[in-house]
Structure formats: C-alpha cells, structure tokens
Amino acid sequence: MTHTYQLTGMTCGGCENKVKSNLLVLPDITAVEVSKDANTATISMDKHIGLETLQQALGGSGSKYQISAAHHNETLEDAKSWAETYKPILLIFGYVTAISLVVSWQDNTINFMVFMRIFMAGFFLTFSFFKMLNLKAFAESYAMYDVVAKKFSAWGYIYAFIELGLGLSFALNLSPNIVNWITLIVMTISILGVLESVLNKKKIQCACLGAVFNLPMSTVTIVEDAIMMAMSAAMLILM
C-alpha cells in the first residue's frame, strides 16, 4: 500500500535526505519519496504503519519534522491494520464461539455452563495444535516473556501439553473441579508475563499461536488469557 502524507519542516535537500533515510529504517516500509516544496511524503509499505510510529522515526513530537495524514483516513487504516494483524485469532474465536453456541443450545436457550466448557475445549485444543506444529520454536518464543519459562526453559514444552490436556479434559468433561483449578492457576501465571511485556511496551512476538503466525504481544493477548481465567473461575463458582 502507498499513502501520501503532509510533512512539514523540510527546508533543503539535506532535510529531504534525512527524512527519507529515517523513514526507510522502519520495518515494512519499502519506498519513500519526499518533497520540501510540496511538504509531502509518499510512503510505500507492506502493511499499514501508524502516524505515531512514523513521527517517532522523525524524532518524536518535538521534532521540526511533523507528519500528518493528508489523503487517507488514518483511523480507518489503523482499524484495517489491526484486523489484518489479528485475523487468525479473530477467526479462531469466531469459529469456537459459533460451535460453542450450537452445542450449548438446549431447550430453546443457551446452557452457559456447557457453552463455557465447549469454548474452553475449543480454545485449548486449537491453540495447542498450533504450538505443536513447531514445539521448539514455541518454547523459545515463550521463554522471552513467560515468568516461569524464563527460569525453566522446559516449561514451554510442558505448557503446550498442558493446553492439550486441558482441551481434552474440557471436551470430555473430566474432573471439572480439578481441571478448572488447573486452568485458573496456569492462566494466572501466564498472564503475569504478558502484562509485564505489554506494560513495558516490549516489541516481541506473542507465542499464543506458536511460531506459525507473527503476532505482536498486545492487550489482545491479555484479553485472551483473562477470558480463560474468568470462565474457569465462573465454572468453579457455579458448580
């Protein structure tokens, strides 16, 4: 995709070269054309990059070079970029939710206990499947942020099998009390490392879908873990 931005502050050829080189350093930017006379920057990129990131590359909000959207809707582009980035997770949640609704529809109403159990079964089985495709790569990525895996590297391998076991247990409705307690404990531990990474704004890959998709660590990962925690806690209370 190619966008044209308004870019002020360039006064000479040296400014044009500096702006161009600073922007070309950013990942996913493939070409940059700037004009001090027209106060524009035409940027080609593999995927949409937000204005804030572009401004940081130019020296931040205090820089004499200021970039702004000129001929496109930046809010819409950010929304499209977010949807494209998290498309795999959104599709998984959509499919799992739909299947859970169908299975839990009983006597013209939704049985929420069944819905939560099937949802968690689908969630854990699907996510463990992607981790198993390249278990070594998942374990290495997981060790970058998980509080246990940082100190005990084998935990990444064990965690993938725990997810598989939880998925099967929820699907077969085995020992629900024990399984829900294990889920609550494991997901609480998992979310600690995610929170630390997101709050510290670490730009690392989320390992929730193994090494198959390059998903960034973000609040989406927090929500994902929090849903599992909330459902397991709700099932413990309602049992």
Protein backbone atom coordinates (compact mmCIF):
# COMPACT_ATOMS: atom_id res chain seq x y z
CA MET A 1 0.00 0.00 0.00
CA THR A 2 1.08 3.56 -0.69
CA HIS A 3 -0.02 6.68 1.21
CA THR A 4 0.77 10.36 0.76
CA TYR A 5 1.25 12.37 3.97
CA GLN A 6 1.67 16.04 4.72
CA LEU A 7 5.20 16.54 6.07
CA THR A 8 6.33 19.96 7.26
CA GLY A 9 9.74 21.21 8.42
CA MET A 10 11.87 20.35 5.40
CA THR A 11 13.80 23.37 4.14
CA CYS A 12 16.57 21.93 1.97
CA GLY A 13 17.80 18.87 0.14
CA GLY A 14 19.60 17.71 3.27
CA CYS A 15 16.30 17.71 5.15
CA GLU A 16 14.71 15.62 2.42
CA ASN A 17 17.52 13.07 2.58
CA LYS A 18 17.39 12.90 6.38
CA VAL A 19 13.63 12.39 6.45
CA LYS A 20 13.80 9.76 3.74
CA SER A 21 16.58 7.77 5.43
CA ASN A 22 14.87 7.92 8.83
CA LEU A 23 11.63 6.56 7.42
CA LEU A 24 13.29 3.83 5.35
CA VAL A 25 14.78 2.37 8.54
CA LEU A 26 11.30 1.32 9.69
CA PRO A 27 10.34 -2.32 9.05
CA ASP A 28 7.72 -2.86 6.31
CA ILE A 29 8.49 0.46 4.56
CA THR A 30 9.70 -0.28 1.03
CA ALA A 31 9.96 3.16 -0.59
CA VAL A 32 9.82 6.85 0.37
CA GLU A 33 9.55 9.95 -1.81
CA VAL A 34 9.58 13.37 -0.14
CA SER A 35 9.21 16.96 -1.38
CA LYS A 36 10.12 20.06 0.62
CA ASP A 37 8.30 22.23 -1.94
CA ALA A 38 5.01 20.34 -1.68
CA ASN A 39 5.51 19.43 2.00
CA THR A 40 4.62 15.82 1.24
CA ALA A 41 5.94 12.32 1.83
CA THR A 42 4.73 9.41 -0.28
CA ILE A 43 5.41 6.16 1.56
CA SER A 44 5.02 2.60 0.28
CA MET A 45 4.67 -0.10 2.94
CA ASP A 46 3.94 -3.80 3.15
CA LYS A 47 1.41 -3.19 5.93
CA HIS A 48 -0.05 -0.03 7.43
CA ILE A 49 2.16 1.85 9.88
CA GLY A 50 0.51 4.32 12.25
CA LEU A 51 1.26 8.03 12.31
CA GLU A 52 2.71 7.80 15.81
CA THR A 53 5.36 5.33 14.64
CA LEU A 54 6.21 7.48 11.64
CA GLN A 55 6.52 10.57 13.85
CA GLN A 56 8.81 8.74 16.28
CA ALA A 57 11.09 7.83 13.38
CA LEU A 58 11.32 11.54 12.55
CA GLY A 59 12.42 12.46 16.07
CA GLY A 60 9.20 12.39 18.06
CA SER A 61 6.59 15.03 18.78
CA GLY A 62 9.25 17.68 19.45
CA SER A 63 10.93 17.28 16.07
CA LYS A 64 10.82 20.07 13.49
CA TYR A 65 9.56 17.44 11.04
CA GLN A 66 5.85 16.88 11.57
CA ILE A 67 3.87 14.29 9.64
CA SER A 68 0.08 14.08 9.33
CA ALA A 69 -2.49 12.25 7.22
CA ALA A 70 -3.34 14.11 4.04
CA HIS A 71 -5.29 11.95 1.61
CA HIS A 72 -6.49 8.97 3.62
CA ASN A 73 -8.46 8.18 6.76
CA GLU A 74 -5.83 7.28 9.35
CA THR A 75 -8.38 5.92 11.84
CA LEU A 76 -9.82 3.60 9.20
CA GLU A 77 -6.34 2.46 8.15
CA ASP A 78 -5.41 1.71 11.77
CA ALA A 79 -8.60 -0.33 12.18
CA LYS A 80 -7.89 -2.27 8.96
CA SER A 81 -4.30 -2.87 10.06
CA TRP A 82 -5.42 -4.16 13.47
CA ALA A 83 -7.96 -6.52 11.89
CA GLU A 84 -5.39 -7.85 9.41
CA THR A 85 -2.79 -8.40 12.14
CA TYR A 86 -5.11 -10.30 14.44
CA LYS A 87 -7.15 -12.05 11.75
CA PRO A 88 -6.02 -15.58 12.82
CA ILE A 89 -7.11 -15.06 16.44
CA LEU A 90 -10.35 -13.35 15.42
CA LEU A 91 -11.22 -16.27 13.13
CA ILE A 92 -10.39 -18.83 15.82
CA PHE A 93 -12.53 -17.05 18.41
CA GLY A 94 -15.34 -16.73 15.87
CA TYR A 95 -15.33 -20.43 15.00
CA VAL A 96 -15.01 -21.58 18.61
CA THR A 97 -17.79 -19.24 19.74
CA ALA A 98 -20.12 -20.42 16.95
CA ILE A 99 -19.53 -24.10 17.73
CA SER A 100 -19.98 -23.48 21.46
CA LEU A 101 -23.30 -21.72 20.84
CA VAL A 102 -24.59 -24.59 18.68
CA VAL A 103 -23.60 -27.28 21.20
CA SER A 104 -24.91 -25.34 24.23
CA TRP A 105 -28.31 -24.52 22.66
CA GLN A 106 -30.69 -26.65 24.72
CA ASP A 107 -34.47 -26.31 25.16
CA ASN A 108 -34.52 -23.03 23.20
CA THR A 109 -31.93 -21.42 25.43
CA ILE A 110 -28.18 -21.36 25.95
CA ASN A 111 -26.74 -23.52 28.70
CA PHE A 112 -23.88 -21.23 29.79
CA MET A 113 -22.02 -23.95 31.68
CA VAL A 114 -21.93 -26.08 28.53
CA PHE A 115 -21.05 -23.03 26.43
CA MET A 116 -18.05 -22.18 28.62
CA ARG A 117 -16.86 -25.80 28.74
CA ILE A 118 -17.02 -26.25 24.96
CA PHE A 119 -15.48 -22.83 24.36
CA MET A 120 -12.53 -23.65 26.60
CA ALA A 121 -12.16 -27.08 24.99
CA GLY A 122 -12.04 -25.50 21.53
CA PHE A 123 -9.71 -22.75 22.68
CA PHE A 124 -7.12 -25.03 24.28
CA LEU A 125 -7.24 -27.71 21.56
CA THR A 126 -6.83 -25.16 18.77
CA PHE A 127 -4.06 -23.18 20.43
CA SER A 128 -2.17 -26.33 21.46
CA PHE A 129 -2.38 -27.58 17.85
CA PHE A 130 -0.55 -24.51 16.53
CA LYS A 131 2.08 -24.82 19.27
CA MET A 132 2.67 -28.47 18.39
CA LEU A 133 3.44 -27.61 14.76
CA ASN A 134 6.82 -26.27 15.89
CA LEU A 135 7.20 -27.02 19.58
CA LYS A 136 10.84 -25.91 19.78
CA ALA A 137 10.13 -22.51 18.22
CA PHE A 138 7.14 -22.01 20.54
CA ALA A 139 9.21 -22.84 23.64
CA GLU A 140 11.92 -20.38 22.57
CA SER A 141 9.40 -17.58 21.94
CA TYR A 142 7.52 -18.32 25.17
CA ALA A 143 10.75 -18.09 27.19
CA MET A 144 11.12 -14.47 26.08
CA TYR A 145 8.27 -13.28 28.30
CA ASP A 146 6.72 -16.00 30.46
CA VAL A 147 7.77 -15.71 34.11
CA VAL A 148 8.27 -19.48 34.54
CA ALA A 149 9.76 -20.25 31.11
CA LYS A 150 12.41 -17.55 31.61
CA LYS A 151 13.85 -19.56 34.52
CA PHE A 152 12.86 -23.08 33.44
CA SER A 153 13.17 -23.47 29.67
CA ALA A 154 11.41 -26.85 29.61
CA TRP A 155 8.21 -25.14 30.79
CA GLY A 156 7.44 -24.04 27.22
CA TYR A 157 7.34 -27.68 26.09
CA ILE A 158 5.31 -28.73 29.14
CA TYR A 159 2.85 -25.84 28.71
CA ALA A 160 1.87 -26.95 25.20
CA PHE A 161 0.95 -30.41 26.51
CA ILE A 162 -0.91 -28.89 29.47
CA GLU A 163 -3.06 -26.95 26.99
CA LEU A 164 -3.71 -30.14 25.03
CA GLY A 165 -4.66 -31.98 28.23
CA LEU A 166 -6.97 -29.18 29.34
CA GLY A 167 -8.66 -29.12 25.93
CA LEU A 168 -9.33 -32.85 26.01
CA SER A 169 -10.49 -32.69 29.63
CA PHE A 170 -13.00 -29.93 28.92
CA ALA A 171 -14.23 -31.71 25.79
CA LEU A 172 -14.79 -34.95 27.73
CA ASN A 173 -15.94 -33.16 30.90
CA LEU A 174 -13.33 -34.96 33.01
CA SER A 175 -12.91 -33.95 36.68
CA PRO A 176 -14.30 -30.42 36.08
CA ASN A 177 -13.40 -29.12 39.53
CA ILE A 178 -9.72 -30.12 39.25
CA VAL A 179 -9.47 -29.06 35.60
CA ASN A 180 -10.90 -25.61 36.30
CA TRP A 181 -8.50 -25.07 39.19
CA ILE A 182 -5.55 -26.06 36.99
CA THR A 183 -6.80 -23.72 34.26
CA LEU A 184 -7.17 -20.81 36.66
CA ILE A 185 -3.68 -21.32 38.11
CA VAL A 186 -1.94 -21.86 34.75
CA MET A 187 -3.62 -18.88 33.06
CA THR A 188 -2.90 -16.62 36.04
CA ILE A 189 0.80 -17.49 35.77
CA SER A 190 0.68 -16.99 32.01
CA ILE A 191 -0.94 -13.55 32.17
CA LEU A 192 1.77 -12.19 34.51
CA GLY A 193 4.44 -12.34 31.81
CA VAL A 194 2.05 -10.91 29.23
CA LEU A 195 1.15 -7.98 31.48
CA GLU A 196 4.81 -7.22 32.13
CA SER A 197 5.63 -7.22 28.42
CA VAL A 198 2.67 -5.08 27.40
CA LEU A 199 3.08 -2.55 30.23
CA ASN A 200 6.80 -2.22 29.44
CA LYS A 201 5.92 -1.87 25.74
CA LYS A 202 8.25 -4.68 24.71
CA LYS A 203 8.01 -5.37 20.98
CA ILE A 204 8.12 -9.17 21.00
CA GLN A 205 6.19 -11.94 19.31
CA CYS A 206 3.21 -13.44 21.08
CA ALA A 207 3.58 -17.22 21.22
CA CYS A 208 -0.12 -17.96 21.73
CA LEU A 209 -0.35 -19.48 18.23
CA GLY A 210 3.14 -20.91 18.34
CA ALA A 211 5.57 -19.83 15.63
CA VAL A 212 3.05 -20.15 12.80
CA PHE A 213 1.82 -16.54 12.90
CA ASN A 214 3.90 -13.48 13.73
CA LEU A 215 1.50 -11.84 16.17
CA PRO A 216 2.70 -8.93 18.32
CA MET A 217 2.31 -9.01 22.08
CA SER A 218 -0.56 -6.68 22.96
CA THR A 219 -3.71 -6.19 25.02
CA VAL A 220 -5.35 -8.82 22.78
CA THR A 221 -3.18 -11.44 24.49
CA ILE A 222 -4.21 -10.11 27.91
CA VAL A 223 -7.90 -10.35 26.97
CA GLU A 224 -7.38 -13.87 25.63
CA ASP A 225 -5.84 -15.09 28.92
CA ALA A 226 -8.33 -13.11 31.03
CA ILE A 227 -11.29 -14.78 29.29
CA MET A 228 -9.96 -18.22 30.19
CA MET A 229 -9.37 -17.13 33.79
CA ALA A 230 -12.86 -15.64 34.05
CA MET A 231 -14.57 -18.72 32.60
CA SER A 232 -12.69 -21.17 34.81
CA ALA A 233 -13.46 -19.05 37.89
CA ALA A 234 -17.14 -18.77 36.90
CA MET A 235 -17.43 -22.53 36.45
CA LEU A 236 -15.85 -23.13 39.86
CA ILE A 237 -18.35 -20.77 41.47
CA LEU A 238 -21.39 -22.14 39.64
CA MET A 239 -20.60 -25.84 40.11
